[in-house]
Amino acid sequence: LSDAQLVSNDTTSLAISFANGDSETNVTQNISLPTSGTNGS
């Protein structure tokens, strides 16, 4: 895959991890933000 394809795949699969009981519409605790993608981005 080209770098453009790898970036596209990582962009599609990117998600934020929330603490137990939290969600995008109810954030009460720290969130986990990934700093690398599964395809090396």
PDB file of all heavy atoms in Angstrom:
ATOM      1  N   LEU A   1       0.830  -1.191   0.000  1.00  0.00           N
ATOM      2  CA  LEU A   1       0.000   0.000   0.000  1.00  0.00           C
ATOM      3  C   LEU A   1       0.873   1.253   0.000  1.00  0.00           C
ATOM      4  O   LEU A   1       1.949   1.281   0.598  1.00  0.00           O
ATOM      5  CB  LEU A   1      -0.917   0.014   1.215  1.00  0.00           C
ATOM      6  CG  LEU A   1      -1.960  -1.105   1.309  1.00  0.00           C
ATOM      7  CD1 LEU A   1      -2.755  -0.974   2.606  1.00  0.00           C
ATOM      8  CD2 LEU A   1      -2.893  -1.088   0.110  1.00  0.00           C
ATOM      9  N   SER A   2       0.403   2.285  -0.658  1.00  0.00           N
ATOM     10  CA  SER A   2       1.105   3.566  -0.659  1.00  0.00           C
ATOM     11  C   SER A   2       0.890   4.254   0.685  1.00  0.00           C
ATOM     12  O   SER A   2      -0.006   3.894   1.462  1.00  0.00           O
ATOM     13  CB  SER A   2       0.591   4.454  -1.784  1.00  0.00           C
ATOM     14  OG  SER A   2      -0.763   4.816  -1.547  1.00  0.00           O
ATOM     15  N   ASP A   3       1.714   5.271   0.975  1.00  0.00           N
ATOM     16  CA  ASP A   3       1.540   6.025   2.219  1.00  0.00           C
ATOM     17  C   ASP A   3       0.157   6.664   2.273  1.00  0.00           C
ATOM     18  O   ASP A   3      -0.462   6.738   3.346  1.00  0.00           O
ATOM     19  CB  ASP A   3       2.627   7.100   2.325  1.00  0.00           C
ATOM     20  CG  ASP A   3       3.979   6.518   2.716  1.00  0.00           C
ATOM     21  OD1 ASP A   3       4.031   5.326   3.063  1.00  0.00           O
ATOM     22  OD2 ASP A   3       4.975   7.265   2.675  1.00  0.00           O
ATOM     23  N   ALA A   4      -0.333   7.128   1.122  1.00  0.00           N
ATOM     24  CA  ALA A   4      -1.662   7.737   1.092  1.00  0.00           C
ATOM     25  C   ALA A   4      -2.733   6.723   1.489  1.00  0.00           C
ATOM     26  O   ALA A   4      -3.679   7.052   2.232  1.00  0.00           O
ATOM     27  CB  ALA A   4      -1.950   8.302  -0.293  1.00  0.00           C
ATOM     28  N   GLN A   5      -2.594   5.491   1.014  1.00  0.00           N
ATOM     29  CA  GLN A   5      -3.563   4.447   1.363  1.00  0.00           C
ATOM     30  C   GLN A   5      -3.457   4.080   2.843  1.00  0.00           C
ATOM     31  O   GLN A   5      -4.478   3.851   3.508  1.00  0.00           O
ATOM     32  CB  GLN A   5      -3.339   3.214   0.491  1.00  0.00           C
ATOM     33  CG  GLN A   5      -3.692   3.424  -0.974  1.00  0.00           C
ATOM     34  CD  GLN A   5      -3.270   2.266  -1.842  1.00  0.00           C
ATOM     35  OE1 GLN A   5      -2.127   1.802  -1.776  1.00  0.00           O
ATOM     36  NE2 GLN A   5      -4.184   1.780  -2.665  1.00  0.00           N
ATOM     37  N   LEU A   6      -2.232   4.018   3.362  1.00  0.00           N
ATOM     38  CA  LEU A   6      -2.033   3.690   4.771  1.00  0.00           C
ATOM     39  C   LEU A   6      -2.625   4.782   5.668  1.00  0.00           C
ATOM     40  O   LEU A   6      -3.267   4.480   6.687  1.00  0.00           O
ATOM     41  CB  LEU A   6      -0.539   3.508   5.060  1.00  0.00           C
ATOM     42  CG  LEU A   6       0.135   2.322   4.356  1.00  0.00           C
ATOM     43  CD1 LEU A   6       1.632   2.338   4.609  1.00  0.00           C
ATOM     44  CD2 LEU A   6      -0.464   0.997   4.818  1.00  0.00           C
ATOM     45  N   VAL A   7      -2.416   6.039   5.285  1.00  0.00           N
ATOM     46  CA  VAL A   7      -2.992   7.150   6.054  1.00  0.00           C
ATOM     47  C   VAL A   7      -4.516   7.078   6.019  1.00  0.00           C
ATOM     48  O   VAL A   7      -5.191   7.277   7.040  1.00  0.00           O
ATOM     49  CB  VAL A   7      -2.491   8.498   5.500  1.00  0.00           C
ATOM     50  CG1 VAL A   7      -3.345   9.649   6.049  1.00  0.00           C
ATOM     51  CG2 VAL A   7      -1.034   8.715   5.858  1.00  0.00           C
ATOM     52  N   SER A   8      -5.065   6.795   4.848  1.00  0.00           N
ATOM     53  CA  SER A   8      -6.512   6.689   4.722  1.00  0.00           C
ATOM     54  C   SER A   8      -7.065   5.585   5.617  1.00  0.00           C
ATOM     55  O   SER A   8      -8.102   5.766   6.292  1.00  0.00           O
ATOM     56  CB  SER A   8      -6.893   6.423   3.263  1.00  0.00           C
ATOM     57  OG  SER A   8      -8.284   6.250   3.122  1.00  0.00           O
ATOM     58  N   ASN A   9      -6.390   4.435   5.647  1.00  0.00           N
ATOM     59  CA  ASN A   9      -6.845   3.325   6.488  1.00  0.00           C
ATOM     60  C   ASN A   9      -6.789   3.691   7.969  1.00  0.00           C
ATOM     61  O   ASN A   9      -7.717   3.371   8.737  1.00  0.00           O
ATOM     62  CB  ASN A   9      -6.009   2.084   6.222  1.00  0.00           C
ATOM     63  CG  ASN A   9      -6.269   1.478   4.854  1.00  0.00           C
ATOM     64  OD1 ASN A   9      -7.262   1.817   4.203  1.00  0.00           O
ATOM     65  ND2 ASN A   9      -5.393   0.593   4.410  1.00  0.00           N
ATOM     66  N   ASP A  10      -5.695   4.351   8.376  1.00  0.00           N
ATOM     67  CA  ASP A  10      -5.563   4.735   9.790  1.00  0.00           C
ATOM     68  C   ASP A  10      -6.574   5.813  10.170  1.00  0.00           C
ATOM     69  O   ASP A  10      -7.079   5.836  11.303  1.00  0.00           O
ATOM     70  CB  ASP A  10      -4.138   5.220  10.076  1.00  0.00           C
ATOM     71  CG  ASP A  10      -3.168   4.058  10.241  1.00  0.00           C
ATOM     72  OD1 ASP A  10      -3.632   2.901  10.311  1.00  0.00           O
ATOM     73  OD2 ASP A  10      -1.951   4.306  10.301  1.00  0.00           O
ATOM     74  N   THR A  11      -6.871   6.696   9.228  1.00  0.00           N
ATOM     75  CA  THR A  11      -7.870   7.731   9.492  1.00  0.00           C
ATOM     76  C   THR A  11      -9.249   7.110   9.706  1.00  0.00           C
ATOM     77  O   THR A  11      -9.991   7.489  10.625  1.00  0.00           O
ATOM     78  CB  THR A  11      -7.928   8.736   8.334  1.00  0.00           C
ATOM     79  OG1 THR A  11      -6.647   9.353   8.174  1.00  0.00           O
ATOM     80  CG2 THR A  11      -8.970   9.807   8.588  1.00  0.00           C
ATOM     81  N   THR A  12      -9.579   6.153   8.880  1.00  0.00           N
ATOM     82  CA  THR A  12     -10.884   5.498   8.985  1.00  0.00           C
ATOM     83  C   THR A  12     -11.046   4.755  10.304  1.00  0.00           C
ATOM     84  O   THR A  12     -12.115   4.794  10.940  1.00  0.00           O
ATOM     85  CB  THR A  12     -11.085   4.518   7.816  1.00  0.00           C
ATOM     86  OG1 THR A  12     -11.018   5.243   6.584  1.00  0.00           O
ATOM     87  CG2 THR A  12     -12.415   3.798   7.912  1.00  0.00           C
ATOM     88  N   SER A  13      -9.981   4.091  10.735  1.00  0.00           N
ATOM     89  CA  SER A  13     -10.086   3.258  11.944  1.00  0.00           C
ATOM     90  C   SER A  13      -9.810   4.021  13.237  1.00  0.00           C
ATOM     91  O   SER A  13     -10.004   3.478  14.337  1.00  0.00           O
ATOM     92  CB  SER A  13      -9.098   2.084  11.846  1.00  0.00           C
ATOM     93  OG  SER A  13      -7.754   2.553  11.768  1.00  0.00           O
ATOM     94  N   LEU A  14      -9.381   5.274  13.131  1.00  0.00           N
ATOM     95  CA  LEU A  14      -9.017   6.036  14.328  1.00  0.00           C
ATOM     96  C   LEU A  14     -10.225   6.259  15.238  1.00  0.00           C
ATOM     97  O   LEU A  14     -11.306   6.661  14.784  1.00  0.00           O
ATOM     98  CB  LEU A  14      -8.418   7.386  13.919  1.00  0.00           C
ATOM     99  CG  LEU A  14      -8.000   8.319  15.055  1.00  0.00           C
ATOM    100  CD1 LEU A  14      -6.941   7.672  15.937  1.00  0.00           C
ATOM    101  CD2 LEU A  14      -7.512   9.647  14.502  1.00  0.00           C
ATOM    102  N   ALA A  15     -10.013   6.018  16.533  1.00  0.00           N
ATOM    103  CA  ALA A  15     -11.082   6.213  17.512  1.00  0.00           C
ATOM    104  C   ALA A  15     -10.489   6.663  18.839  1.00  0.00           C
ATOM    105  O   ALA A  15      -9.317   6.398  19.139  1.00  0.00           O
ATOM    106  CB  ALA A  15     -11.877   4.930  17.702  1.00  0.00           C
ATOM    107  N   ILE A  16     -11.280   7.359  19.626  1.00  0.00           N
ATOM    108  CA  ILE A  16     -10.879   7.793  20.961  1.00  0.00           C
ATOM    109  C   ILE A  16     -11.393   6.780  21.977  1.00  0.00           C
ATOM    110  O   ILE A  16     -12.525   6.286  21.874  1.00  0.00           O
ATOM    111  CB  ILE A  16     -11.456   9.191  21.275  1.00  0.00           C
ATOM    112  CG1 ILE A  16     -10.838  10.230  20.341  1.00  0.00           C
ATOM    113  CG2 ILE A  16     -11.214   9.571  22.729  1.00  0.00           C
ATOM    114  CD1 ILE A  16     -11.449  11.616  20.495  1.00  0.00           C
ATOM    115  N   SER A  17     -10.572   6.483  22.969  1.00  0.00           N
ATOM    116  CA  SER A  17     -10.991   5.559  24.033  1.00  0.00           C
ATOM    117  C   SER A  17     -11.455   6.368  25.245  1.00  0.00           C
ATOM    118  O   SER A  17     -10.775   7.305  25.696  1.00  0.00           O
ATOM    119  CB  SER A  17      -9.819   4.646  24.435  1.00  0.00           C
ATOM    120  OG  SER A  17      -9.453   3.830  23.351  1.00  0.00           O
ATOM    121  N   PHE A  18     -12.602   5.998  25.760  1.00  0.00           N
ATOM    122  CA  PHE A  18     -13.201   6.716  26.889  1.00  0.00           C
ATOM    123  C   PHE A  18     -13.144   5.867  28.151  1.00  0.00           C
ATOM    124  O   PHE A  18     -13.109   4.624  28.100  1.00  0.00           O
ATOM    125  CB  PHE A  18     -14.655   7.067  26.578  1.00  0.00           C
ATOM    126  CG  PHE A  18     -14.820   7.977  25.395  1.00  0.00           C
ATOM    127  CD1 PHE A  18     -15.085   7.458  24.134  1.00  0.00           C
ATOM    128  CD2 PHE A  18     -14.695   9.353  25.548  1.00  0.00           C
ATOM    129  CE1 PHE A  18     -15.236   8.295  23.044  1.00  0.00           C
ATOM    130  CE2 PHE A  18     -14.846  10.201  24.461  1.00  0.00           C
ATOM    131  CZ  PHE A  18     -15.108   9.672  23.200  1.00  0.00           C
ATOM    132  N   ALA A  19     -13.150   6.551  29.265  1.00  0.00           N
ATOM    133  CA  ALA A  19     -13.198   5.856  30.557  1.00  0.00           C
ATOM    134  C   ALA A  19     -14.549   5.162  30.715  1.00  0.00           C
ATOM    135  O   ALA A  19     -15.519   5.473  30.017  1.00  0.00           O
ATOM    136  CB  ALA A  19     -12.963   6.854  31.690  1.00  0.00           C
ATOM    137  N   ASN A  20     -14.573   4.234  31.631  1.00  0.00           N
ATOM    138  CA  ASN A  20     -15.795   3.464  31.857  1.00  0.00           C
ATOM    139  C   ASN A  20     -16.976   4.376  32.173  1.00  0.00           C
ATOM    140  O   ASN A  20     -16.926   5.223  33.069  1.00  0.00           O
ATOM    141  CB  ASN A  20     -15.573   2.488  33.020  1.00  0.00           C
ATOM    142  CG  ASN A  20     -16.733   1.524  33.177  1.00  0.00           C
ATOM    143  OD1 ASN A  20     -17.380   1.163  32.186  1.00  0.00           O
ATOM    144  ND2 ASN A  20     -17.001   1.108  34.410  1.00  0.00           N
ATOM    145  N   GLY A  21     -18.048   4.248  31.389  1.00  0.00           N
ATOM    146  CA  GLY A  21     -19.247   5.038  31.592  1.00  0.00           C
ATOM    147  C   GLY A  21     -19.290   6.301  30.764  1.00  0.00           C
ATOM    148  O   GLY A  21     -20.343   6.946  30.665  1.00  0.00           O
ATOM    149  N   ASP A  22     -18.148   6.703  30.164  1.00  0.00           N
ATOM    150  CA  ASP A  22     -18.112   7.915  29.345  1.00  0.00           C
ATOM    151  C   ASP A  22     -18.362   7.601  27.876  1.00  0.00           C
ATOM    152  O   ASP A  22     -18.268   6.447  27.430  1.00  0.00           O
ATOM    153  CB  ASP A  22     -16.757   8.623  29.485  1.00  0.00           C
ATOM    154  CG  ASP A  22     -16.656   9.417  30.784  1.00  0.00           C
ATOM    155  OD1 ASP A  22     -17.578   9.307  31.613  1.00  0.00           O
ATOM    156  OD2 ASP A  22     -15.653  10.124  30.956  1.00  0.00           O
ATOM    157  N   SER A  23     -18.672   8.648  27.130  1.00  0.00           N
ATOM    158  CA  SER A  23     -18.861   8.524  25.682  1.00  0.00           C
ATOM    159  C   SER A  23     -18.605   9.890  25.054  1.00  0.00           C
ATOM    160  O   SER A  23     -18.284  10.860  25.769  1.00  0.00           O
ATOM    161  CB  SER A  23     -20.287   8.057  25.366  1.00  0.00           C
ATOM    162  OG  SER A  23     -21.224   9.050  25.762  1.00  0.00           O
ATOM    163  N   GLU A  24     -18.777   9.998  23.746  1.00  0.00           N
ATOM    164  CA  GLU A  24     -18.546  11.275  23.073  1.00  0.00           C
ATOM    165  C   GLU A  24     -19.478  12.365  23.584  1.00  0.00           C
ATOM    166  O   GLU A  24     -19.126  13.554  23.579  1.00  0.00           O
ATOM    167  CB  GLU A  24     -18.726  11.117  21.555  1.00  0.00           C
ATOM    168  CG  GLU A  24     -17.599  10.379  20.860  1.00  0.00           C
ATOM    169  CD  GLU A  24     -17.711  10.441  19.346  1.00  0.00           C
ATOM    170  OE1 GLU A  24     -18.629  11.128  18.849  1.00  0.00           O
ATOM    171  OE2 GLU A  24     -16.884   9.808  18.662  1.00  0.00           O
ATOM    172  N   THR A  25     -20.645  11.991  24.011  1.00  0.00           N
ATOM    173  CA  THR A  25     -21.626  12.990  24.474  1.00  0.00           C
ATOM    174  C   THR A  25     -21.637  13.132  25.992  1.00  0.00           C
ATOM    175  O   THR A  25     -22.460  13.884  26.542  1.00  0.00           O
ATOM    176  CB  THR A  25     -23.036  12.596  23.994  1.00  0.00           C
ATOM    177  OG1 THR A  25     -23.352  11.285  24.475  1.00  0.00           O
ATOM    178  CG2 THR A  25     -23.111  12.619  22.474  1.00  0.00           C
ATOM    179  N   ASN A  26     -20.750  12.429  26.670  1.00  0.00           N
ATOM    180  CA  ASN A  26     -20.721  12.514  28.142  1.00  0.00           C
ATOM    181  C   ASN A  26     -19.303  12.214  28.625  1.00  0.00           C
ATOM    182  O   ASN A  26     -18.979  11.103  29.022  1.00  0.00           O
ATOM    183  CB  ASN A  26     -21.709  11.522  28.758  1.00  0.00           C
ATOM    184  CG  ASN A  26     -21.748  11.610  30.274  1.00  0.00           C
ATOM    185  OD1 ASN A  26     -21.664  12.700  30.841  1.00  0.00           O
ATOM    186  ND2 ASN A  26     -21.879  10.468  30.941  1.00  0.00           N
ATOM    187  N   VAL A  27     -18.449  13.229  28.545  1.00  0.00           N
ATOM    188  CA  VAL A  27     -17.056  13.068  28.963  1.00  0.00           C
ATOM    189  C   VAL A  27     -16.895  13.648  30.358  1.00  0.00           C
ATOM    190  O   VAL A  27     -17.110  14.858  30.588  1.00  0.00           O
ATOM    191  CB  VAL A  27     -16.100  13.791  27.980  1.00  0.00           C
ATOM    192  CG1 VAL A  27     -14.664  13.662  28.467  1.00  0.00           C
ATOM    193  CG2 VAL A  27     -16.262  13.230  26.580  1.00  0.00           C
ATOM    194  N   THR A  28     -16.497  12.805  31.275  1.00  0.00           N
ATOM    195  CA  THR A  28     -16.304  13.251  32.662  1.00  0.00           C
ATOM    196  C   THR A  28     -14.885  12.960  33.159  1.00  0.00           C
ATOM    197  O   THR A  28     -14.472  13.485  34.201  1.00  0.00           O
ATOM    198  CB  THR A  28     -17.299  12.545  33.598  1.00  0.00           C
ATOM    199  OG1 THR A  28     -17.049  11.136  33.579  1.00  0.00           O
ATOM    200  CG2 THR A  28     -18.736  12.829  33.188  1.00  0.00           C
ATOM    201  N   GLN A  29     -14.155  12.100  32.416  1.00  0.00           N
ATOM    202  CA  GLN A  29     -12.808  11.713  32.847  1.00  0.00           C
ATOM    203  C   GLN A  29     -11.838  11.868  31.666  1.00  0.00           C
ATOM    204  O   GLN A  29     -12.240  12.142  30.538  1.00  0.00           O
ATOM    205  CB  GLN A  29     -12.812  10.261  33.338  1.00  0.00           C
ATOM    206  CG  GLN A  29     -13.819   9.992  34.443  1.00  0.00           C
ATOM    207  CD  GLN A  29     -13.902   8.515  34.776  1.00  0.00           C
ATOM    208  OE1 GLN A  29     -12.953   7.934  35.303  1.00  0.00           O
ATOM    209  NE2 GLN A  29     -15.052   7.909  34.482  1.00  0.00           N
ATOM    210  N   ASN A  30     -10.576  11.699  31.958  1.00  0.00           N
ATOM    211  CA  ASN A  30      -9.557  11.808  30.916  1.00  0.00           C
ATOM    212  C   ASN A  30      -9.828  10.811  29.779  1.00  0.00           C
ATOM    213  O   ASN A  30     -10.374   9.714  30.011  1.00  0.00           O
ATOM    214  CB  ASN A  30      -8.169  11.545  31.485  1.00  0.00           C
ATOM    215  CG  ASN A  30      -7.749  12.617  32.477  1.00  0.00           C
ATOM    216  OD1 ASN A  30      -8.280  13.735  32.459  1.00  0.00           O
ATOM    217  ND2 ASN A  30      -6.806  12.293  33.343  1.00  0.00           N
ATOM    218  N   ILE A  31      -9.455  11.190  28.590  1.00  0.00           N
ATOM    219  CA  ILE A  31      -9.643  10.328  27.426  1.00  0.00           C
ATOM    220  C   ILE A  31      -8.284   9.883  26.887  1.00  0.00           C
ATOM    221  O   ILE A  31      -7.255  10.525  27.141  1.00  0.00           O
ATOM    222  CB  ILE A  31     -10.435  11.050  26.307  1.00  0.00           C
ATOM    223  CG1 ILE A  31      -9.716  12.335  25.907  1.00  0.00           C
ATOM    224  CG2 ILE A  31     -11.851  11.343  26.777  1.00  0.00           C
ATOM    225  CD1 ILE A  31     -10.392  13.096  24.786  1.00  0.00           C
ATOM    226  N   SER A  32      -8.297   8.779  26.162  1.00  0.00           N
ATOM    227  CA  SER A  32      -7.060   8.234  25.584  1.00  0.00           C
ATOM    228  C   SER A  32      -7.001   8.581  24.102  1.00  0.00           C
ATOM    229  O   SER A  32      -7.872   8.184  23.323  1.00  0.00           O
ATOM    230  CB  SER A  32      -7.009   6.714  25.778  1.00  0.00           C
ATOM    231  OG  SER A  32      -5.839   6.179  25.197  1.00  0.00           O
ATOM    232  N   LEU A  33      -5.963   9.329  23.729  1.00  0.00           N
ATOM    233  CA  LEU A  33      -5.788   9.756  22.341  1.00  0.00           C
ATOM    234  C   LEU A  33      -4.606   9.010  21.721  1.00  0.00           C
ATOM    235  O   LEU A  33      -3.458   9.226  22.135  1.00  0.00           O
ATOM    236  CB  LEU A  33      -5.538  11.272  22.281  1.00  0.00           C
ATOM    237  CG  LEU A  33      -6.610  12.160  22.924  1.00  0.00           C
ATOM    238  CD1 LEU A  33      -6.194  13.618  22.861  1.00  0.00           C
ATOM    239  CD2 LEU A  33      -7.959  11.943  22.235  1.00  0.00           C
ATOM    240  N   PRO A  34      -4.846   8.131  20.757  1.00  0.00           N
ATOM    241  CA  PRO A  34      -3.752   7.376  20.126  1.00  0.00           C
ATOM    242  C   PRO A  34      -2.753   8.323  19.451  1.00  0.00           C
ATOM    243  O   PRO A  34      -3.128   9.351  18.874  1.00  0.00           O
ATOM    244  CB  PRO A  34      -4.475   6.511  19.084  1.00  0.00           C
ATOM    245  CG  PRO A  34      -5.904   6.476  19.532  1.00  0.00           C
ATOM    246  CD  PRO A  34      -6.165   7.786  20.193  1.00  0.00           C
ATOM    247  N   THR A  35      -1.481   7.977  19.529  1.00  0.00           N
ATOM    248  CA  THR A  35      -0.432   8.781  18.884  1.00  0.00           C
ATOM    249  C   THR A  35       0.198   8.077  17.683  1.00  0.00           C
ATOM    250  O   THR A  35       1.088   8.629  17.037  1.00  0.00           O
ATOM    251  CB  THR A  35       0.659   9.135  19.896  1.00  0.00           C
ATOM    252  OG1 THR A  35       1.181   7.924  20.478  1.00  0.00           O
ATOM    253  CG2 THR A  35       0.101  10.021  21.004  1.00  0.00           C
ATOM    254  N   SER A  36      -0.257   6.874  17.412  1.00  0.00           N
ATOM    255  CA  SER A  36       0.229   6.155  16.227  1.00  0.00           C
ATOM    256  C   SER A  36      -0.884   5.273  15.680  1.00  0.00           C
ATOM    257  O   SER A  36      -1.730   4.781  16.436  1.00  0.00           O
ATOM    258  CB  SER A  36       1.462   5.304  16.555  1.00  0.00           C
ATOM    259  OG  SER A  36       1.142   4.315  17.516  1.00  0.00           O
ATOM    260  N   GLY A  37      -0.864   5.082  14.361  1.00  0.00           N
ATOM    261  CA  GLY A  37      -1.871   4.246  13.714  1.00  0.00           C
ATOM    262  C   GLY A  37      -1.381   2.823  13.529  1.00  0.00           C
ATOM    263  O   GLY A  37      -0.173   2.548  13.616  1.00  0.00           O
ATOM    264  N   THR A  38      -2.289   1.928  13.252  1.00  0.00           N
ATOM    265  CA  THR A  38      -1.916   0.512  13.074  1.00  0.00           C
ATOM    266  C   THR A  38      -1.073   0.291  11.828  1.00  0.00           C
ATOM    267  O   THR A  38      -0.407  -0.735  11.702  1.00  0.00           O
ATOM    268  CB  THR A  38      -3.186  -0.359  12.992  1.00  0.00           C
ATOM    269  OG1 THR A  38      -4.017   0.133  11.925  1.00  0.00           O
ATOM    270  CG2 THR A  38      -3.968  -0.308  14.286  1.00  0.00           C
ATOM    271  N   ASN A  39      -1.078   1.248  10.896  1.00  0.00           N
ATOM    272  CA  ASN A  39      -0.296   1.116   9.671  1.00  0.00           C
ATOM    273  C   ASN A  39       0.968   1.970   9.678  1.00  0.00           C
ATOM    274  O   ASN A  39       1.553   2.257   8.640  1.00  0.00           O
ATOM    275  CB  ASN A  39      -1.152   1.493   8.454  1.00  0.00           C
ATOM    276  CG  ASN A  39      -2.249   0.478   8.202  1.00  0.00           C
ATOM    277  OD1 ASN A  39      -1.995  -0.639   7.781  1.00  0.00           O
ATOM    278  ND2 ASN A  39      -3.482   0.875   8.479  1.00  0.00           N
ATOM    279  N   GLY A  40       1.394   2.376  10.893  1.00  0.00           N
ATOM    280  CA  GLY A  40       2.667   3.084  11.002  1.00  0.00           C
ATOM    281  C   GLY A  40       2.590   4.595  10.896  1.00  0.00           C
ATOM    282  O   GLY A  40       3.629   5.262  10.851  1.00  0.00           O
ATOM    283  N   SER A  41       1.399   5.165  10.878  1.00  0.00           N
ATOM    284  CA  SER A  41       1.285   6.618  10.814  1.00  0.00           C
ATOM    285  C   SER A  41       1.480   7.223  12.207  1.00  0.00           C
ATOM    286  O   SER A  41       1.326   6.546  13.224  1.00  0.00           O
ATOM    287  CB  SER A  41      -0.079   7.017  10.258  1.00  0.00           C
ATOM    288  OG  SER A  41      -1.115   6.595  11.141  1.00  0.00           O
TER     289      SER A  41
END
